[in-house]
């Protein structure tokens, strides 16, 4: 069956942000954001006891809500792998979704997202492979380099076409995750940062996080007796007067960096995800 794009709702992968782990997801409107370097932020996070756990996780995805009845059903999964190589953090993220529409049509969407982030916040590499059963694949590779003297991040797309942009200084994903946990541990309820993760090629987002402590129980022993928070994230374009988020997410986040519940708002429908498989992996022995 040939699908007519004009007759079905297609989540915009670039604007709706299929990556559910930007660091890791609000209701606050951005004003002026004070930006520190990622290296300083990570150091500050470590000073208050942020100890991220390398792990592999699998999440099941199911339809939570369909606005105006556009979606009959959806299912999918996320595979998330977070490790360290002593000099940086390595993340592999896979997302697959099957969406059935009320008019009988369906679509399959996929994202493959791999990154390496220097622990000192100076460099970042990313590879994105995304697509759907209607428009086909879209792949690109890139890197980002922080220039502290100029207070900018230079982003280069290296394939399939070379592109370059200079962004205002922004955090990379794991540094942002550390900032969320650090803020939560010190009792802060809101933080605002510009974040670059590469899923939209040359674009960074202003991200607002609302952090609420919760009493959570997990079936996985690695999360026993750990503090947890419900984190609400809103992503805003970096444009003057941009007050409406392009996407919102919520996470149940533990202090070791593990997420056990996810909620993704794609506009026409909302997806809920639960952690169903978990494996803690060993930290590397670093000299």
Foldseek 3Di string as FASTA:
>chain_A
DADDPVVADDQDCQLQPPPPQQLYHDQDFDDDADDDALLVLLVLLVVLPQAAFFKKFKKKKWFDDFAPQFFDIKIWMKIWGWADDQQWIKIWIKIWMWTATPVGDIKIWIKTKIKTAGNSRFKIWIWIWIDMPHPDIDIWIKMWGADVVVQWIWIWIDPDDTDIDIGHHFGGRNSVNSNVLSCVSVPHQKHWTWYDHCSNPHFIWIKIKGWAWDDDDDPDPVQPPFTWIKIKMFTFGPDPPTGHGSWIKIFTATSNGDTAKIWTCSPRTIMIMGTDDMDGDDHDDDD
